[in-house]
């Protein structure tokens, strides 16, 4: 009887300490990406939409994740009329994201370390079939996650208007980095 009780206690202890991975699936309709692109004379901003995504957790540890963005959904929100239409067309052209041939961008989370209230995340970002490592902070609170990150577009072959590659651009120069403000709902 004592051995049965000991086995029962050991089994109970094991089941209470084992955690199971939880996969949180992105709710694309209730999630958003806002972008900001800056240039010498100002900035433009707009939105992008997610196609799919998920985050895998083991307890409070992020163990994996993958998010896909529909690059054809890029919109400009600071302009109207022809200016809006022209900039959206230019951003979709081969000068920028080439959405006819590169319809999606993807982030794959490789590792994440909890640091206080945020995670320090490392992953691979793919834009225009070019993959580069990226690091950023992610705040996760229940079924919501937020992040702000900067992406160097020139690492993905997007050099249009870059002062790093073209001389004498003057006030036509566009910053190499663009900003993303991400709000995710699962």
N, C-alpha and C. Protein backbone atom coordinates (compact mmCIF):
# COMPACT_ATOMS: atom_id res chain seq x y z
N UNK A 1 0.81 -1.18 0.00
CA UNK A 1 0.00 0.00 0.00
C UNK A 1 0.86 1.25 0.00
N UNK A 2 1.97 1.24 0.77
CA UNK A 2 2.85 2.39 0.83
C UNK A 2 3.49 2.66 -0.53
N UNK A 3 3.84 1.62 -1.24
CA UNK A 3 4.45 1.78 -2.57
C UNK A 3 3.43 2.39 -3.53
N UNK A 4 2.18 1.93 -3.48
CA UNK A 4 1.14 2.51 -4.35
C UNK A 4 0.95 3.99 -4.05
N UNK A 5 0.94 4.34 -2.78
CA UNK A 5 0.78 5.75 -2.41
C UNK A 5 1.97 6.58 -2.87
N UNK A 6 3.16 6.03 -2.74
CA UNK A 6 4.37 6.73 -3.17
C UNK A 6 4.35 6.94 -4.69
N UNK A 7 3.95 5.92 -5.43
CA UNK A 7 3.84 6.03 -6.89
C UNK A 7 2.78 7.07 -7.26
N UNK A 8 1.64 7.04 -6.56
CA UNK A 8 0.58 8.00 -6.82
C UNK A 8 1.04 9.43 -6.56
N UNK A 9 1.76 9.67 -5.47
CA UNK A 9 2.29 11.00 -5.15
C UNK A 9 3.30 11.44 -6.19
N UNK A 10 4.19 10.54 -6.62
CA UNK A 10 5.19 10.87 -7.64
C UNK A 10 4.51 11.21 -8.97
N UNK A 11 3.50 10.42 -9.35
CA UNK A 11 2.78 10.69 -10.59
C UNK A 11 2.06 12.02 -10.53
N UNK A 12 1.45 12.32 -9.39
CA UNK A 12 0.76 13.59 -9.21
C UNK A 12 1.74 14.75 -9.28
N UNK A 13 2.90 14.60 -8.66
CA UNK A 13 3.92 15.66 -8.70
C UNK A 13 4.40 15.90 -10.12
N UNK A 14 4.60 14.84 -10.89
CA UNK A 14 5.04 14.98 -12.28
C UNK A 14 3.99 15.68 -13.13
N UNK A 15 2.73 15.34 -12.95
CA UNK A 15 1.70 15.95 -13.79
C UNK A 15 1.47 17.41 -13.45
N UNK A 16 1.76 17.82 -12.23
CA UNK A 16 1.56 19.22 -11.88
C UNK A 16 2.74 20.09 -12.29
N UNK A 17 3.90 19.52 -12.54
CA UNK A 17 5.05 20.32 -12.93
C UNK A 17 5.28 20.33 -14.44
N UNK A 18 4.65 19.41 -15.16
CA UNK A 18 4.81 19.36 -16.60
C UNK A 18 3.87 20.40 -17.23
N UNK A 19 4.42 21.24 -18.12
CA UNK A 19 3.58 22.19 -18.84
C UNK A 19 3.50 21.74 -20.29
N UNK A 20 2.42 22.12 -20.91
CA UNK A 20 2.21 21.73 -22.29
C UNK A 20 2.25 22.97 -23.17
N UNK A 21 2.83 22.80 -24.34
CA UNK A 21 2.92 23.92 -25.28
C UNK A 21 1.53 24.36 -25.69
N UNK A 22 1.37 25.66 -25.78
CA UNK A 22 0.10 26.25 -26.21
C UNK A 22 0.37 27.04 -27.48
N UNK A 23 -0.45 26.81 -28.49
CA UNK A 23 -0.30 27.55 -29.73
C UNK A 23 -1.42 28.58 -29.81
N UNK A 24 -1.02 29.85 -29.87
CA UNK A 24 -1.97 30.95 -30.03
C UNK A 24 -2.03 31.30 -31.51
N UNK A 25 -3.23 31.26 -32.06
CA UNK A 25 -3.42 31.53 -33.49
C UNK A 25 -3.90 32.97 -33.67
N UNK A 26 -3.25 33.67 -34.58
CA UNK A 26 -3.55 35.06 -34.88
C UNK A 26 -4.99 35.24 -35.34
N UNK A 27 -5.64 36.27 -34.82
CA UNK A 27 -6.93 36.72 -35.32
C UNK A 27 -6.61 37.88 -36.27
N UNK A 28 -6.49 37.57 -37.55
CA UNK A 28 -6.01 38.56 -38.54
C UNK A 28 -6.93 39.77 -38.65
N UNK A 29 -8.23 39.57 -38.53
CA UNK A 29 -9.17 40.68 -38.68
C UNK A 29 -9.05 41.70 -37.55
N UNK A 30 -8.65 41.25 -36.37
CA UNK A 30 -8.56 42.14 -35.21
C UNK A 30 -7.12 42.52 -34.88
N UNK A 31 -6.20 42.26 -35.79
CA UNK A 31 -4.80 42.62 -35.61
C UNK A 31 -4.42 43.68 -36.63
N UNK A 32 -3.38 44.45 -36.33
CA UNK A 32 -3.02 45.53 -37.26
C UNK A 32 -1.52 45.77 -37.31
N UNK A 33 -1.09 46.28 -38.43
CA UNK A 33 0.29 46.73 -38.62
C UNK A 33 0.22 48.14 -39.19
N UNK A 34 0.83 49.07 -38.50
CA UNK A 34 0.94 50.44 -39.01
C UNK A 34 2.41 50.68 -39.35
N UNK A 35 2.67 51.24 -40.52
CA UNK A 35 4.04 51.52 -40.95
C UNK A 35 4.24 53.03 -41.05
N UNK A 36 5.50 53.43 -40.86
CA UNK A 36 5.91 54.82 -41.04
C UNK A 36 7.21 54.80 -41.83
N UNK A 37 7.23 55.51 -42.94
CA UNK A 37 8.44 55.70 -43.73
C UNK A 37 8.80 57.17 -43.71
N UNK A 38 10.04 57.46 -43.33
CA UNK A 38 10.45 58.86 -43.20
C UNK A 38 11.40 59.25 -44.32
N UNK A 39 11.36 60.53 -44.64
CA UNK A 39 12.26 61.11 -45.63
C UNK A 39 12.71 62.47 -45.11
N UNK A 40 13.62 63.11 -45.81
CA UNK A 40 14.17 64.38 -45.36
C UNK A 40 13.07 65.41 -45.14
N UNK A 41 12.09 65.44 -46.01
CA UNK A 41 11.06 66.48 -45.95
C UNK A 41 9.79 66.06 -45.21
N UNK A 42 9.78 64.92 -44.56
CA UNK A 42 8.59 64.51 -43.83
C UNK A 42 8.48 63.01 -43.69
N UNK A 43 7.26 62.52 -43.73
CA UNK A 43 7.01 61.09 -43.54
C UNK A 43 5.69 60.71 -44.20
N UNK A 44 5.53 59.42 -44.44
CA UNK A 44 4.26 58.86 -44.88
C UNK A 44 3.95 57.68 -43.97
N UNK A 45 2.67 57.40 -43.82
CA UNK A 45 2.30 56.26 -42.99
C UNK A 45 1.11 55.54 -43.61
N UNK A 46 0.91 54.32 -43.13
CA UNK A 46 -0.18 53.51 -43.65
C UNK A 46 -0.31 52.22 -42.89
N UNK A 47 -0.97 51.26 -43.52
CA UNK A 47 -1.23 49.98 -42.87
C UNK A 47 -0.89 48.82 -43.78
N UNK A 48 -0.75 47.67 -43.14
CA UNK A 48 -0.59 46.37 -43.81
C UNK A 48 -1.50 45.39 -43.08
N UNK A 49 -1.84 44.28 -43.73
CA UNK A 49 -2.68 43.27 -43.10
C UNK A 49 -1.94 41.94 -42.99
N UNK A 50 -2.23 41.24 -41.91
CA UNK A 50 -1.70 39.90 -41.73
C UNK A 50 -2.48 38.92 -42.61
N UNK A 51 -1.79 37.88 -43.07
CA UNK A 51 -2.43 36.75 -43.73
C UNK A 51 -2.69 35.65 -42.71
N UNK A 52 -1.66 35.36 -41.90
CA UNK A 52 -1.76 34.30 -40.90
C UNK A 52 -0.67 34.52 -39.86
N UNK A 53 -0.76 33.73 -38.79
CA UNK A 53 0.27 33.82 -37.78
C UNK A 53 -0.05 32.99 -36.56
N UNK A 54 0.98 32.67 -35.81
CA UNK A 54 0.80 31.93 -34.57
C UNK A 54 2.02 32.13 -33.68
N UNK A 55 1.80 31.90 -32.41
CA UNK A 55 2.84 32.00 -31.40
C UNK A 55 2.72 30.75 -30.54
N UNK A 56 3.82 30.07 -30.30
CA UNK A 56 3.81 28.87 -29.46
C UNK A 56 4.48 29.19 -28.14
N UNK A 57 3.80 28.84 -27.06
CA UNK A 57 4.31 29.10 -25.72
C UNK A 57 4.39 27.79 -24.94
N UNK A 58 5.39 27.70 -24.08
CA UNK A 58 5.52 26.62 -23.12
C UNK A 58 5.54 27.31 -21.76
N UNK A 59 4.40 27.35 -21.10
CA UNK A 59 4.29 28.17 -19.90
C UNK A 59 4.34 29.63 -20.32
N UNK A 60 5.28 30.39 -19.75
CA UNK A 60 5.42 31.80 -20.16
C UNK A 60 6.61 32.01 -21.10
N UNK A 61 7.15 30.90 -21.64
CA UNK A 61 8.25 30.99 -22.60
C UNK A 61 7.72 30.92 -24.02
N UNK A 62 8.12 31.87 -24.86
CA UNK A 62 7.82 31.79 -26.29
C UNK A 62 8.84 30.85 -26.91
N UNK A 63 8.35 29.78 -27.52
CA UNK A 63 9.26 28.79 -28.11
C UNK A 63 9.32 28.85 -29.63
N UNK A 64 8.31 29.46 -30.24
CA UNK A 64 8.28 29.56 -31.71
C UNK A 64 7.20 30.54 -32.12
N UNK A 65 7.26 30.92 -33.37
CA UNK A 65 6.22 31.78 -33.91
C UNK A 65 6.47 32.03 -35.38
N UNK A 66 5.40 32.31 -36.09
CA UNK A 66 5.51 32.64 -37.51
C UNK A 66 4.33 33.54 -37.88
N UNK A 67 4.64 34.63 -38.57
CA UNK A 67 3.62 35.58 -38.99
C UNK A 67 3.84 35.91 -40.46
N UNK A 68 2.75 35.92 -41.23
CA UNK A 68 2.81 36.21 -42.66
C UNK A 68 1.98 37.47 -42.92
N UNK A 69 2.57 38.41 -43.68
CA UNK A 69 1.93 39.68 -43.99
C UNK A 69 1.62 39.73 -45.48
N UNK A 70 0.42 40.19 -45.82
CA UNK A 70 -0.01 40.37 -47.20
C UNK A 70 0.53 41.72 -47.70
N UNK A 71 1.61 41.68 -48.46
CA UNK A 71 2.23 42.92 -48.93
C UNK A 71 1.37 43.64 -49.98
N UNK A 72 0.46 42.93 -50.62
CA UNK A 72 -0.43 43.58 -51.58
C UNK A 72 -1.47 44.45 -50.88
N UNK A 73 -1.57 44.31 -49.56
CA UNK A 73 -2.55 45.09 -48.78
C UNK A 73 -2.01 46.45 -48.35
N UNK A 74 -0.78 46.79 -48.74
CA UNK A 74 -0.19 48.04 -48.28
C UNK A 74 -1.06 49.23 -48.70
N UNK A 75 -1.39 50.06 -47.71
CA UNK A 75 -2.18 51.26 -47.97
C UNK A 75 -1.48 52.47 -47.36
N UNK A 76 -1.78 53.62 -47.89
CA UNK A 76 -1.28 54.89 -47.40
C UNK A 76 -2.44 55.59 -46.71
N UNK A 77 -2.23 56.04 -45.47
CA UNK A 77 -3.33 56.67 -44.72
C UNK A 77 -3.16 58.17 -44.53
N UNK A 78 -2.02 58.72 -44.90
CA UNK A 78 -1.80 60.16 -44.70
C UNK A 78 -2.08 61.00 -45.95
N UNK A 79 -2.45 60.35 -47.05
CA UNK A 79 -2.76 61.07 -48.29
C UNK A 79 -4.15 60.67 -48.78
N UNK A 80 -4.68 61.47 -49.68
CA UNK A 80 -5.95 61.16 -50.32
C UNK A 80 -5.82 61.36 -51.82
N UNK A 81 -6.80 60.86 -52.57
CA UNK A 81 -6.87 61.09 -54.00
C UNK A 81 -5.71 60.52 -54.78
N UNK A 82 -5.23 61.29 -55.78
CA UNK A 82 -4.15 60.84 -56.65
C UNK A 82 -2.85 60.60 -55.90
N UNK A 83 -2.56 61.44 -54.90
CA UNK A 83 -1.34 61.27 -54.12
C UNK A 83 -1.31 59.91 -53.43
N UNK A 84 -2.43 59.52 -52.85
CA UNK A 84 -2.56 58.21 -52.18
C UNK A 84 -2.40 57.09 -53.20
N UNK A 85 -3.14 57.19 -54.30
CA UNK A 85 -3.09 56.15 -55.34
C UNK A 85 -1.68 56.01 -55.91
N UNK A 86 -1.03 57.13 -56.20
CA UNK A 86 0.32 57.09 -56.78
C UNK A 86 1.33 56.49 -55.82
N UNK A 87 1.28 56.88 -54.52
CA UNK A 87 2.25 56.34 -53.57
C UNK A 87 2.01 54.85 -53.33
N UNK A 88 0.77 54.44 -53.22
CA UNK A 88 0.48 53.01 -53.05
C UNK A 88 1.01 52.21 -54.24
N UNK A 89 0.80 52.74 -55.44
CA UNK A 89 1.32 52.07 -56.63
C UNK A 89 2.83 52.00 -56.64
N UNK A 90 3.48 53.08 -56.20
CA UNK A 90 4.95 53.10 -56.17
C UNK A 90 5.48 52.11 -55.13
N UNK A 91 4.84 52.06 -53.95
CA UNK A 91 5.27 51.12 -52.92
C UNK A 91 5.11 49.66 -53.37
N UNK A 92 4.13 49.39 -54.20
CA UNK A 92 3.91 48.03 -54.71
C UNK A 92 4.81 47.70 -55.90
N UNK A 93 5.46 48.72 -56.49
CA UNK A 93 6.30 48.52 -57.67
C UNK A 93 7.65 47.90 -57.27
N UNK A 94 8.45 47.57 -58.28
CA UNK A 94 9.76 46.97 -58.03
C UNK A 94 10.73 47.94 -57.37
N UNK A 95 10.46 49.24 -57.41
CA UNK A 95 11.30 50.20 -56.69
C UNK A 95 11.28 49.91 -55.19
N UNK A 96 10.15 49.39 -54.70
CA UNK A 96 10.00 49.10 -53.28
C UNK A 96 9.73 47.61 -53.06
N UNK A 97 8.48 47.21 -52.86
CA UNK A 97 8.18 45.85 -52.41
C UNK A 97 7.86 44.86 -53.52
N UNK A 98 7.70 45.30 -54.76
CA UNK A 98 7.48 44.38 -55.89
C UNK A 98 6.40 43.36 -55.62
N UNK A 99 5.22 43.83 -55.24
CA UNK A 99 4.17 42.91 -54.78
C UNK A 99 3.61 41.99 -55.86
N UNK A 100 3.84 42.29 -57.13
CA UNK A 100 3.40 41.35 -58.17
C UNK A 100 4.14 40.03 -58.05
N UNK A 101 5.41 40.07 -57.68
CA UNK A 101 6.23 38.86 -57.54
C UNK A 101 6.47 38.44 -56.09
N UNK A 102 6.23 39.34 -55.15
CA UNK A 102 6.52 39.08 -53.73
C UNK A 102 5.30 39.48 -52.91
N UNK A 103 4.30 38.63 -52.93
CA UNK A 103 3.01 38.97 -52.34
C UNK A 103 3.00 38.95 -50.82
N UNK A 104 3.94 38.25 -50.22
CA UNK A 104 3.96 38.16 -48.76
C UNK A 104 5.35 38.44 -48.20
N UNK A 105 5.36 38.81 -46.93
CA UNK A 105 6.58 38.89 -46.13
C UNK A 105 6.35 37.98 -44.93
N UNK A 106 7.44 37.46 -44.36
CA UNK A 106 7.27 36.50 -43.26
C UNK A 106 8.29 36.74 -42.16
N UNK A 107 7.82 36.61 -40.93
CA UNK A 107 8.67 36.65 -39.74
C UNK A 107 8.60 35.29 -39.08
N UNK A 108 9.77 34.69 -38.84
CA UNK A 108 9.85 33.43 -38.11
C UNK A 108 10.63 33.70 -36.83
N UNK A 109 9.99 33.45 -35.70
CA UNK A 109 10.65 33.65 -34.40
C UNK A 109 11.53 32.45 -34.11
N UNK A 110 12.80 32.71 -33.85
CA UNK A 110 13.77 31.66 -33.55
C UNK A 110 13.94 31.46 -32.05
N UNK A 111 13.99 32.57 -31.31
CA UNK A 111 14.09 32.46 -29.85
C UNK A 111 13.58 33.75 -29.22
N UNK A 112 13.19 33.61 -27.96
CA UNK A 112 12.70 34.76 -27.21
C UNK A 112 13.05 34.56 -25.75
N UNK A 113 13.49 35.62 -25.13
CA UNK A 113 13.86 35.56 -23.72
C UNK A 113 13.05 36.61 -22.98
N UNK A 114 12.38 36.17 -21.92
CA UNK A 114 11.58 37.10 -21.13
C UNK A 114 12.51 38.00 -20.33
N UNK A 115 12.23 39.30 -20.39
CA UNK A 115 13.02 40.31 -19.68
C UNK A 115 12.04 41.29 -19.03
N UNK A 116 11.66 40.98 -17.81
CA UNK A 116 10.66 41.81 -17.14
C UNK A 116 9.30 41.61 -17.77
N UNK A 117 8.69 42.69 -18.26
CA UNK A 117 7.37 42.62 -18.86
C UNK A 117 7.39 42.38 -20.37
N UNK A 118 8.57 42.28 -20.96
CA UNK A 118 8.67 42.09 -22.41
C UNK A 118 9.55 40.89 -22.73
N UNK A 119 9.46 40.48 -23.97
CA UNK A 119 10.33 39.43 -24.50
C UNK A 119 11.32 40.08 -25.46
N UNK A 120 12.55 39.68 -25.39
CA UNK A 120 13.57 40.05 -26.37
C UNK A 120 13.53 38.94 -27.42
N UNK A 121 13.08 39.28 -28.61
CA UNK A 121 12.82 38.28 -29.64
C UNK A 121 13.88 38.36 -30.73
N UNK A 122 14.33 37.20 -31.18
CA UNK A 122 15.23 37.08 -32.32
C UNK A 122 14.55 36.20 -33.36
N UNK A 123 14.64 36.61 -34.60
CA UNK A 123 14.02 35.82 -35.65
C UNK A 123 14.59 36.14 -37.01
N UNK A 124 13.94 35.61 -38.02
CA UNK A 124 14.30 35.85 -39.40
C UNK A 124 13.14 36.54 -40.10
N UNK A 125 13.43 37.66 -40.75
CA UNK A 125 12.43 38.40 -41.50
C UNK A 125 12.73 38.24 -42.99
N UNK A 126 11.73 37.85 -43.75
CA UNK A 126 11.87 37.67 -45.19
C UNK A 126 10.99 38.68 -45.91
N UNK A 127 11.63 39.50 -46.74
CA UNK A 127 10.95 40.46 -47.60
C UNK A 127 11.58 40.33 -48.98
N UNK A 128 10.76 40.24 -50.02
CA UNK A 128 11.26 40.10 -51.40
C UNK A 128 12.23 38.93 -51.54
N UNK A 129 11.91 37.82 -50.90
CA UNK A 129 12.69 36.58 -50.94
C UNK A 129 14.09 36.72 -50.37
N UNK A 130 14.34 37.78 -49.61
CA UNK A 130 15.62 37.97 -48.92
C UNK A 130 15.35 37.85 -47.42
N UNK A 131 16.14 37.01 -46.75
CA UNK A 131 15.96 36.75 -45.32
C UNK A 131 17.13 37.31 -44.55
N UNK A 132 16.81 38.05 -43.48
CA UNK A 132 17.82 38.62 -42.59
C UNK A 132 17.38 38.46 -41.15
N UNK A 133 18.36 38.34 -40.24
CA UNK A 133 18.00 38.27 -38.82
C UNK A 133 17.48 39.62 -38.34
N UNK A 134 16.58 39.56 -37.36
CA UNK A 134 16.02 40.77 -36.76
C UNK A 134 15.79 40.53 -35.28
N UNK A 135 15.97 41.56 -34.49
CA UNK A 135 15.68 41.49 -33.06
C UNK A 135 14.75 42.64 -32.69
N UNK A 136 13.87 42.38 -31.74
CA UNK A 136 12.91 43.40 -31.30
C UNK A 136 12.31 42.96 -29.97
N UNK A 137 11.59 43.88 -29.35
CA UNK A 137 10.90 43.57 -28.10
C UNK A 137 9.42 43.35 -28.39
N UNK A 138 8.84 42.40 -27.66
CA UNK A 138 7.44 42.06 -27.81
C UNK A 138 6.80 42.03 -26.43
N UNK A 139 5.71 42.75 -26.26
CA UNK A 139 4.95 42.70 -25.01
C UNK A 139 3.78 41.75 -25.23
N UNK A 140 3.62 40.79 -24.35
CA UNK A 140 2.56 39.79 -24.46
C UNK A 140 1.72 39.86 -23.20
N UNK A 141 0.42 40.08 -23.37
CA UNK A 141 -0.49 40.17 -22.24
C UNK A 141 -1.75 39.38 -22.58
N UNK A 142 -1.81 38.16 -22.12
CA UNK A 142 -2.96 37.30 -22.42
C UNK A 142 -3.04 37.00 -23.90
N UNK A 143 -4.14 37.41 -24.52
CA UNK A 143 -4.34 37.16 -25.94
C UNK A 143 -4.03 38.38 -26.80
N UNK A 144 -3.17 39.26 -26.29
CA UNK A 144 -2.75 40.44 -27.03
C UNK A 144 -1.23 40.55 -26.99
N UNK A 145 -0.66 41.02 -28.08
CA UNK A 145 0.78 41.26 -28.15
C UNK A 145 1.00 42.56 -28.92
N UNK A 146 2.02 43.32 -28.51
CA UNK A 146 2.37 44.55 -29.21
C UNK A 146 3.88 44.62 -29.40
N UNK A 147 4.26 45.28 -30.46
CA UNK A 147 5.68 45.46 -30.73
C UNK A 147 5.87 46.67 -31.63
N UNK A 148 7.01 47.32 -31.48
CA UNK A 148 7.45 48.36 -32.41
C UNK A 148 8.84 47.96 -32.86
N UNK A 149 9.06 47.94 -34.16
CA UNK A 149 10.37 47.55 -34.65
C UNK A 149 10.75 48.38 -35.86
N UNK A 150 12.03 48.44 -36.10
CA UNK A 150 12.57 49.16 -37.25
C UNK A 150 13.21 48.15 -38.20
N UNK A 151 12.98 48.36 -39.48
CA UNK A 151 13.49 47.45 -40.51
C UNK A 151 14.33 48.27 -41.49
N UNK A 152 15.55 47.82 -41.73
CA UNK A 152 16.42 48.45 -42.73
C UNK A 152 16.07 47.86 -44.10
N UNK A 153 15.34 48.63 -44.89
CA UNK A 153 14.85 48.17 -46.18
C UNK A 153 15.96 47.81 -47.15
N UNK A 154 17.14 48.43 -47.00
CA UNK A 154 18.23 48.17 -47.95
C UNK A 154 18.76 46.74 -47.83
N UNK A 155 18.55 46.10 -46.69
CA UNK A 155 18.96 44.70 -46.52
C UNK A 155 18.10 43.75 -47.36
N UNK A 156 16.99 44.26 -47.86
CA UNK A 156 16.06 43.46 -48.65
C UNK A 156 16.04 43.91 -50.11
N UNK A 157 17.08 44.64 -50.51
CA UNK A 157 17.20 45.08 -51.90
C UNK A 157 16.33 46.27 -52.25
N UNK A 158 15.81 46.97 -51.26
CA UNK A 158 14.95 48.14 -51.50
C UNK A 158 15.82 49.38 -51.31
N UNK A 159 16.38 49.86 -52.41
CA UNK A 159 17.35 50.95 -52.34
C UNK A 159 16.85 52.27 -52.90
N UNK A 160 15.66 52.30 -53.44
CA UNK A 160 15.13 53.51 -54.07
C UNK A 160 15.22 54.70 -53.10
N UNK A 161 15.84 55.78 -53.54
CA UNK A 161 15.92 57.01 -52.76
C UNK A 161 16.82 56.94 -51.54
N UNK A 162 17.65 55.91 -51.45
CA UNK A 162 18.54 55.76 -50.29
C UNK A 162 19.82 56.56 -50.47
N UNK A 163 20.10 57.44 -49.51
CA UNK A 163 21.33 58.21 -49.53
C UNK A 163 22.57 57.35 -49.38
N UNK A 164 22.41 56.09 -48.94
CA UNK A 164 23.54 55.17 -48.81
C UNK A 164 23.99 54.64 -50.16
N UNK A 165 23.12 54.73 -51.18
CA UNK A 165 23.43 54.15 -52.48
C UNK A 165 23.43 55.17 -53.62
N UNK A 166 22.77 56.31 -53.40
CA UNK A 166 22.68 57.31 -54.45
C UNK A 166 23.13 58.67 -53.93
N UNK A 167 23.92 59.37 -54.73
CA UNK A 167 24.42 60.69 -54.34
C UNK A 167 23.47 61.78 -54.83
N UNK A 168 23.61 62.95 -54.23
CA UNK A 168 22.91 64.15 -54.66
C UNK A 168 21.38 64.02 -54.64
N UNK A 169 20.84 63.30 -53.68
CA UNK A 169 19.39 63.18 -53.57
C UNK A 169 18.78 64.41 -52.90
N UNK A 170 19.59 65.11 -52.13
CA UNK A 170 19.09 66.30 -51.44
C UNK A 170 17.86 66.00 -50.61
N UNK A 171 16.81 66.80 -50.79
CA UNK A 171 15.61 66.61 -49.98
C UNK A 171 14.72 65.49 -50.51
N UNK A 172 15.19 64.73 -51.49
CA UNK A 172 14.45 63.57 -52.01
C UNK A 172 14.88 62.27 -51.33
N UNK A 173 15.88 62.34 -50.44
CA UNK A 173 16.39 61.13 -49.77
C UNK A 173 15.34 60.55 -48.84
N UNK A 174 15.25 59.22 -48.86
CA UNK A 174 14.32 58.47 -48.01
C UNK A 174 15.15 57.68 -47.00
N UNK A 175 14.75 57.70 -45.73
CA UNK A 175 15.47 56.95 -44.70
C UNK A 175 15.52 55.47 -45.05
N UNK A 176 16.63 54.83 -44.70
CA UNK A 176 16.76 53.40 -44.95
C UNK A 176 15.83 52.58 -44.09
N UNK A 177 15.58 53.04 -42.86
CA UNK A 177 14.72 52.28 -41.95
C UNK A 177 13.27 52.75 -42.04
N UNK A 178 12.37 51.79 -41.99
CA UNK A 178 10.96 52.12 -41.79
C UNK A 178 10.53 51.49 -40.48
N UNK A 179 9.48 52.04 -39.90
CA UNK A 179 9.01 51.59 -38.60
C UNK A 179 7.71 50.81 -38.74
N UNK A 180 7.57 49.79 -37.91
CA UNK A 180 6.34 49.02 -37.84
C UNK A 180 5.82 49.03 -36.42
N UNK A 181 4.55 49.37 -36.25
CA UNK A 181 3.88 49.29 -34.96
C UNK A 181 2.81 48.21 -35.10
N UNK A 182 3.00 47.14 -34.33
CA UNK A 182 2.20 45.94 -34.51
C UNK A 182 1.32 45.69 -33.29
N UNK A 183 0.04 45.45 -33.55
CA UNK A 183 -0.92 45.06 -32.52
C UNK A 183 -1.54 43.73 -32.93
N UNK A 184 -1.31 42.70 -32.12
CA UNK A 184 -1.76 41.36 -32.45
C UNK A 184 -2.82 40.92 -31.45
N UNK A 185 -3.86 40.32 -31.97
CA UNK A 185 -4.88 39.67 -31.15
C UNK A 185 -4.94 38.21 -31.54
N UNK A 186 -5.02 37.35 -30.53
CA UNK A 186 -5.11 35.91 -30.77
C UNK A 186 -6.52 35.43 -30.49
